[in-house]
Amino acid sequence: MARKLAASGHEVKLANSKGPDTVRDLARDIGATAVSKQEAAQDVVGIVLSIPVRKVLRSRQPLQRVPNP
């Protein structure tokens, strides 16, 4: 999905729980920007999440900065 969004001209941020260094190569290959999970929720229009259910509660804090429509 990130690849298709980037190819369509969208600014795409790619993050995971291990940090931007672990997704940097993939992000470069697909035209996205590797960022921390905190940076991923800043200044965005939309967010696509893929989180194991057991980790959902630990991932809520960065999402609290996303403005409500």
PDB file of N, CA and C in Angstrom:
ATOM      1  N   MET A   1       0.827  -1.170   0.000  1.00  0.00           N
ATOM      2  CA  MET A   1       0.000   0.000   0.000  1.00  0.00           C
ATOM      3  C   MET A   1       0.887   1.255   0.000  1.00  0.00           C
ATOM      4  N   ALA A   2       1.945   1.247   0.807  1.00  0.00           N
ATOM      5  CA  ALA A   2       2.849   2.397   0.859  1.00  0.00           C
ATOM      6  C   ALA A   2       3.483   2.657  -0.501  1.00  0.00           C
ATOM      7  N   ARG A   3       3.861   1.602  -1.177  1.00  0.00           N
ATOM      8  CA  ARG A   3       4.472   1.737  -2.504  1.00  0.00           C
ATOM      9  C   ARG A   3       3.501   2.403  -3.482  1.00  0.00           C
ATOM     10  N   LYS A   4       2.246   1.966  -3.476  1.00  0.00           N
ATOM     11  CA  LYS A   4       1.251   2.523  -4.400  1.00  0.00           C
ATOM     12  C   LYS A   4       0.935   3.980  -4.064  1.00  0.00           C
ATOM     13  N   LEU A   5       0.847   4.300  -2.800  1.00  0.00           N
ATOM     14  CA  LEU A   5       0.581   5.681  -2.413  1.00  0.00           C
ATOM     15  C   LEU A   5       1.736   6.592  -2.818  1.00  0.00           C
ATOM     16  N   ALA A   6       2.965   6.143  -2.586  1.00  0.00           N
ATOM     17  CA  ALA A   6       4.135   6.941  -2.969  1.00  0.00           C
ATOM     18  C   ALA A   6       4.192   7.113  -4.486  1.00  0.00           C
ATOM     19  N   ALA A   7       3.914   6.048  -5.216  1.00  0.00           N
ATOM     20  CA  ALA A   7       3.941   6.107  -6.678  1.00  0.00           C
ATOM     21  C   ALA A   7       2.864   7.048  -7.226  1.00  0.00           C
ATOM     22  N   SER A   8       1.791   7.233  -6.458  1.00  0.00           N
ATOM     23  CA  SER A   8       0.706   8.127  -6.868  1.00  0.00           C
ATOM     24  C   SER A   8       0.981   9.578  -6.481  1.00  0.00           C
ATOM     25  N   GLY A   9       2.136   9.827  -5.896  1.00  0.00           N
ATOM     26  CA  GLY A   9       2.512  11.190  -5.556  1.00  0.00           C
ATOM     27  C   GLY A   9       2.251  11.612  -4.125  1.00  0.00           C
ATOM     28  N   HIS A  10       1.801  10.699  -3.292  1.00  0.00           N
ATOM     29  CA  HIS A  10       1.558  11.029  -1.893  1.00  0.00           C
ATOM     30  C   HIS A  10       2.873  11.006  -1.117  1.00  0.00           C
ATOM     31  N   GLU A  11       2.956  11.863  -0.113  1.00  0.00           N
ATOM     32  CA  GLU A  11       4.097  11.822   0.803  1.00  0.00           C
ATOM     33  C   GLU A  11       3.838  10.679   1.788  1.00  0.00           C
ATOM     34  N   VAL A  12       4.716   9.695   1.803  1.00  0.00           N
ATOM     35  CA  VAL A  12       4.524   8.505   2.627  1.00  0.00           C
ATOM     36  C   VAL A  12       5.630   8.405   3.659  1.00  0.00           C
ATOM     37  N   LYS A  13       5.220   8.190   4.901  1.00  0.00           N
ATOM     38  CA  LYS A  13       6.164   7.951   5.987  1.00  0.00           C
ATOM     39  C   LYS A  13       6.063   6.481   6.354  1.00  0.00           C
ATOM     40  N   LEU A  14       7.209   5.855   6.580  1.00  0.00           N
ATOM     41  CA  LEU A  14       7.247   4.440   6.928  1.00  0.00           C
ATOM     42  C   LEU A  14       7.938   4.300   8.278  1.00  0.00           C
ATOM     43  N   ALA A  15       7.302   3.600   9.205  1.00  0.00           N
ATOM     44  CA  ALA A  15       7.856   3.440  10.553  1.00  0.00           C
ATOM     45  C   ALA A  15       7.552   2.050  11.075  1.00  0.00           C
ATOM     46  N   ASN A  16       8.324   1.656  12.067  1.00  0.00           N
ATOM     47  CA  ASN A  16       8.030   0.428  12.804  1.00  0.00           C
ATOM     48  C   ASN A  16       8.512   0.595  14.233  1.00  0.00           C
ATOM     49  N   SER A  17       8.320  -0.398  15.049  1.00  0.00           N
ATOM     50  CA  SER A  17       8.669  -0.288  16.465  1.00  0.00           C
ATOM     51  C   SER A  17      10.170  -0.326  16.718  1.00  0.00           C
ATOM     52  N   LYS A  18      10.944  -0.724  15.731  1.00  0.00           N
ATOM     53  CA  LYS A  18      12.388  -0.870  15.926  1.00  0.00           C
ATOM     54  C   LYS A  18      13.169   0.379  15.533  1.00  0.00           C
ATOM     55  N   GLY A  19      12.533   1.333  14.898  1.00  0.00           N
ATOM     56  CA  GLY A  19      13.195   2.574  14.536  1.00  0.00           C
ATOM     57  C   GLY A  19      13.414   2.724  13.050  1.00  0.00           C
ATOM     58  N   PRO A  20      13.672   3.962  12.611  1.00  0.00           N
ATOM     59  CA  PRO A  20      13.759   4.252  11.185  1.00  0.00           C
ATOM     60  C   PRO A  20      14.904   3.548  10.459  1.00  0.00           C
ATOM     61  N   ASP A  21      15.975   3.235  11.155  1.00  0.00           N
ATOM     62  CA  ASP A  21      17.094   2.567  10.481  1.00  0.00           C
ATOM     63  C   ASP A  21      16.698   1.200   9.927  1.00  0.00           C
ATOM     64  N   THR A  22      15.727   0.572  10.554  1.00  0.00           N
ATOM     65  CA  THR A  22      15.335  -0.776  10.123  1.00  0.00           C
ATOM     66  C   THR A  22      14.407  -0.775   8.913  1.00  0.00           C
ATOM     67  N   VAL A  23      13.858   0.387   8.556  1.00  0.00           N
ATOM     68  CA  VAL A  23      12.991   0.476   7.371  1.00  0.00           C
ATOM     69  C   VAL A  23      13.552   1.423   6.310  1.00  0.00           C
ATOM     70  N   ARG A  24      14.739   1.955   6.552  1.00  0.00           N
ATOM     71  CA  ARG A  24      15.317   2.958   5.652  1.00  0.00           C
ATOM     72  C   ARG A  24      15.476   2.455   4.217  1.00  0.00           C
ATOM     73  N   ASP A  25      16.006   1.244   4.036  1.00  0.00           N
ATOM     74  CA  ASP A  25      16.204   0.709   2.682  1.00  0.00           C
ATOM     75  C   ASP A  25      14.875   0.509   1.962  1.00  0.00           C
ATOM     76  N   LEU A  26      13.909  -0.068   2.651  1.00  0.00           N
ATOM     77  CA  LEU A  26      12.592  -0.275   2.050  1.00  0.00           C
ATOM     78  C   LEU A  26      11.960   1.070   1.702  1.00  0.00           C
ATOM     79  N   ALA A  27      12.025   2.013   2.623  1.00  0.00           N
ATOM     80  CA  ALA A  27      11.442   3.331   2.373  1.00  0.00           C
ATOM     81  C   ALA A  27      12.065   3.970   1.138  1.00  0.00           C
ATOM     82  N   ARG A  28      13.381   3.910   1.021  1.00  0.00           N
ATOM     83  CA  ARG A  28      14.065   4.485  -0.145  1.00  0.00           C
ATOM     84  C   ARG A  28      13.609   3.793  -1.423  1.00  0.00           C
ATOM     85  N   ASP A  29      13.499   2.466  -1.376  1.00  0.00           N
ATOM     86  CA  ASP A  29      13.114   1.697  -2.565  1.00  0.00           C
ATOM     87  C   ASP A  29      11.708   2.032  -3.064  1.00  0.00           C
ATOM     88  N   ILE A  30      10.810   2.375  -2.157  1.00  0.00           N
ATOM     89  CA  ILE A  30       9.428   2.623  -2.568  1.00  0.00           C
ATOM     90  C   ILE A  30       9.089   4.111  -2.661  1.00  0.00           C
ATOM     91  N   GLY A  31      10.051   4.975  -2.348  1.00  0.00           N
ATOM     92  CA  GLY A  31       9.804   6.412  -2.439  1.00  0.00           C
ATOM     93  C   GLY A  31       9.166   7.009  -1.206  1.00  0.00           C
ATOM     94  N   ALA A  32       9.349   6.353  -0.066  1.00  0.00           N
ATOM     95  CA  ALA A  32       8.809   6.843   1.199  1.00  0.00           C
ATOM     96  C   ALA A  32       9.954   7.413   2.050  1.00  0.00           C
ATOM     97  N   THR A  33       9.608   7.951   3.195  1.00  0.00           N
ATOM     98  CA  THR A  33      10.577   8.471   4.146  1.00  0.00           C
ATOM     99  C   THR A  33      10.536   7.616   5.398  1.00  0.00           C
ATOM    100  N   ALA A  34      11.682   7.129   5.840  1.00  0.00           N
ATOM    101  CA  ALA A  34      11.764   6.352   7.076  1.00  0.00           C
ATOM    102  C   ALA A  34      11.738   7.315   8.260  1.00  0.00           C
ATOM    103  N   VAL A  35      10.833   7.079   9.198  1.00  0.00           N
ATOM    104  CA  VAL A  35      10.685   7.945  10.368  1.00  0.00           C
ATOM    105  C   VAL A  35      10.476   7.103  11.620  1.00  0.00           C
ATOM    106  N   SER A  36      10.576   7.755  12.782  1.00  0.00           N
ATOM    107  CA  SER A  36      10.263   7.068  14.034  1.00  0.00           C
ATOM    108  C   SER A  36       8.751   6.922  14.150  1.00  0.00           C
ATOM    109  N   LYS A  37       8.300   6.068  15.040  1.00  0.00           N
ATOM    110  CA  LYS A  37       6.845   5.909  15.190  1.00  0.00           C
ATOM    111  C   LYS A  37       6.216   7.195  15.725  1.00  0.00           C
ATOM    112  N   GLN A  38       6.967   8.007  16.480  1.00  0.00           N
ATOM    113  CA  GLN A  38       6.449   9.277  16.951  1.00  0.00           C
ATOM    114  C   GLN A  38       6.295  10.261  15.783  1.00  0.00           C
ATOM    115  N   GLU A  39       7.254  10.286  14.884  1.00  0.00           N
ATOM    116  CA  GLU A  39       7.201  11.201  13.735  1.00  0.00           C
ATOM    117  C   GLU A  39       6.128  10.786  12.721  1.00  0.00           C
ATOM    118  N   ALA A  40       5.790   9.518  12.688  1.00  0.00           N
ATOM    119  CA  ALA A  40       4.838   9.018  11.697  1.00  0.00           C
ATOM    120  C   ALA A  40       3.461   9.652  11.842  1.00  0.00           C
ATOM    121  N   ALA A  41       3.093  10.073  13.036  1.00  0.00           N
ATOM    122  CA  ALA A  41       1.764  10.632  13.275  1.00  0.00           C
ATOM    123  C   ALA A  41       1.749  12.152  13.234  1.00  0.00           C
ATOM    124  N   GLN A  42       2.845  12.783  12.863  1.00  0.00           N
ATOM    125  CA  GLN A  42       2.914  14.246  12.829  1.00  0.00           C
ATOM    126  C   GLN A  42       2.655  14.777  11.422  1.00  0.00           C
ATOM    127  N   ASP A  43       1.838  15.813  11.348  1.00  0.00           N
ATOM    128  CA  ASP A  43       1.577  16.511  10.086  1.00  0.00           C
ATOM    129  C   ASP A  43       1.137  15.570   8.969  1.00  0.00           C
ATOM    130  N   VAL A  44       0.121  14.766   9.230  1.00  0.00           N
ATOM    131  CA  VAL A  44      -0.377  13.815   8.241  1.00  0.00           C
ATOM    132  C   VAL A  44      -1.878  14.000   8.014  1.00  0.00           C
ATOM    133  N   VAL A  45      -2.332  13.532   6.872  1.00  0.00           N
ATOM    134  CA  VAL A  45      -3.751  13.559   6.544  1.00  0.00           C
ATOM    135  C   VAL A  45      -4.401  12.232   6.914  1.00  0.00           C
ATOM    136  N   GLY A  46      -3.666  11.139   6.776  1.00  0.00           N
ATOM    137  CA  GLY A  46      -4.195   9.818   7.087  1.00  0.00           C
ATOM    138  C   GLY A  46      -3.109   8.901   7.604  1.00  0.00           C
ATOM    139  N   ILE A  47      -3.533   7.838   8.258  1.00  0.00           N
ATOM    140  CA  ILE A  47      -2.608   6.859   8.817  1.00  0.00           C
ATOM    141  C   ILE A  47      -3.117   5.458   8.496  1.00  0.00           C
ATOM    142  N   VAL A  48      -2.225   4.605   8.039  1.00  0.00           N
ATOM    143  CA  VAL A  48      -2.540   3.194   7.847  1.00  0.00           C
ATOM    144  C   VAL A  48      -1.690   2.421   8.849  1.00  0.00           C
ATOM    145  N   LEU A  49      -2.343   1.654   9.688  1.00  0.00           N
ATOM    146  CA  LEU A  49      -1.633   0.905  10.725  1.00  0.00           C
ATOM    147  C   LEU A  49      -1.682  -0.586  10.467  1.00  0.00           C
ATOM    148  N   SER A  50      -0.599  -1.226  10.783  1.00  0.00           N
ATOM    149  CA  SER A  50      -0.544  -2.679  10.799  1.00  0.00           C
ATOM    150  C   SER A  50       0.178  -3.049  12.084  1.00  0.00           C
ATOM    151  N   ILE A  51      -0.615  -3.374  13.106  1.00  0.00           N
ATOM    152  CA  ILE A  51      -0.059  -3.602  14.440  1.00  0.00           C
ATOM    153  C   ILE A  51      -0.583  -4.925  14.979  1.00  0.00           C
ATOM    154  N   PRO A  52       0.321  -5.772  15.501  1.00  0.00           N
ATOM    155  CA  PRO A  52      -0.163  -6.979  16.174  1.00  0.00           C
ATOM    156  C   PRO A  52      -1.082  -6.580  17.332  1.00  0.00           C
ATOM    157  N   VAL A  53      -2.157  -7.282  17.507  1.00  0.00           N
ATOM    158  CA  VAL A  53      -3.159  -6.939  18.516  1.00  0.00           C
ATOM    159  C   VAL A  53      -2.524  -6.755  19.889  1.00  0.00           C
ATOM    160  N   ARG A  54      -1.580  -7.568  20.250  1.00  0.00           N
ATOM    161  CA  ARG A  54      -0.975  -7.481  21.582  1.00  0.00           C
ATOM    162  C   ARG A  54      -0.179  -6.194  21.787  1.00  0.00           C
ATOM    163  N   LYS A  55       0.134  -5.501  20.712  1.00  0.00           N
ATOM    164  CA  LYS A  55       0.924  -4.275  20.831  1.00  0.00           C
ATOM    165  C   LYS A  55       0.104  -3.001  20.623  1.00  0.00           C
ATOM    166  N   VAL A  56      -1.180  -3.137  20.371  1.00  0.00           N
ATOM    167  CA  VAL A  56      -2.015  -1.975  20.085  1.00  0.00           C
ATOM    168  C   VAL A  56      -1.990  -0.976  21.240  1.00  0.00           C
ATOM    169  N   LEU A  57      -2.142  -1.425  22.447  1.00  0.00           N
ATOM    170  CA  LEU A  57      -2.198  -0.512  23.582  1.00  0.00           C
ATOM    171  C   LEU A  57      -0.898   0.255  23.766  1.00  0.00           C
ATOM    172  N   ARG A  58       0.236  -0.350  23.456  1.00  0.00           N
ATOM    173  CA  ARG A  58       1.519   0.335  23.590  1.00  0.00           C
ATOM    174  C   ARG A  58       1.721   1.367  22.487  1.00  0.00           C
ATOM    175  N   SER A  59       0.955   1.325  21.426  1.00  0.00           N
ATOM    176  CA  SER A  59       1.144   2.210  20.279  1.00  0.00           C
ATOM    177  C   SER A  59       0.193   3.400  20.280  1.00  0.00           C
ATOM    178  N   ARG A  60      -0.632   3.542  21.286  1.00  0.00           N
ATOM    179  CA  ARG A  60      -1.640   4.599  21.297  1.00  0.00           C
ATOM    180  C   ARG A  60      -1.064   5.989  21.498  1.00  0.00           C
ATOM    181  N   GLN A  61      -0.022   6.148  22.281  1.00  0.00           N
ATOM    182  CA  GLN A  61       0.477   7.477  22.616  1.00  0.00           C
ATOM    183  C   GLN A  61       0.838   8.326  21.392  1.00  0.00           C
ATOM    184  N   PRO A  62       1.616   7.845  20.430  1.00  0.00           N
ATOM    185  CA  PRO A  62       1.913   8.692  19.258  1.00  0.00           C
ATOM    186  C   PRO A  62       0.663   9.107  18.486  1.00  0.00           C
ATOM    187  N   LEU A  63      -0.373   8.277  18.523  1.00  0.00           N
ATOM    188  CA  LEU A  63      -1.586   8.575  17.765  1.00  0.00           C
ATOM    189  C   LEU A  63      -2.428   9.660  18.425  1.00  0.00           C
ATOM    190  N   GLN A  64      -2.203   9.942  19.697  1.00  0.00           N
ATOM    191  CA  GLN A  64      -2.988  10.954  20.377  1.00  0.00           C
ATOM    192  C   GLN A  64      -2.691  12.360  19.850  1.00  0.00           C
ATOM    193  N   ARG A  65      -1.597  12.519  19.114  1.00  0.00           N
ATOM    194  CA  ARG A  65      -1.236  13.830  18.556  1.00  0.00           C
ATOM    195  C   ARG A  65      -1.939  14.110  17.227  1.00  0.00           C
ATOM    196  N   VAL A  66      -2.590  13.120  16.658  1.00  0.00           N
ATOM    197  CA  VAL A  66      -3.277  13.305  15.378  1.00  0.00           C
ATOM    198  C   VAL A  66      -4.567  14.073  15.633  1.00  0.00           C
ATOM    199  N   PRO A  67      -4.772  15.200  14.914  1.00  0.00           N
ATOM    200  CA  PRO A  67      -5.988  15.988  15.150  1.00  0.00           C
ATOM    201  C   PRO A  67      -7.240  15.245  14.682  1.00  0.00           C
ATOM    202  N   ASN A  68      -8.318  15.481  15.407  1.00  0.00           N
ATOM    203  CA  ASN A  68      -9.615  14.915  15.018  1.00  0.00           C
ATOM    204  C   ASN A  68     -10.204  15.773  13.908  1.00  0.00           C
ATOM    205  N   PRO A  69     -10.895  15.143  12.944  1.00  0.00           N
ATOM    206  CA  PRO A  69     -11.499  15.942  11.857  1.00  0.00           C
ATOM    207  C   PRO A  69     -12.639  16.812  12.342  1.00  0.00           C
TER     208      PRO A  69
END
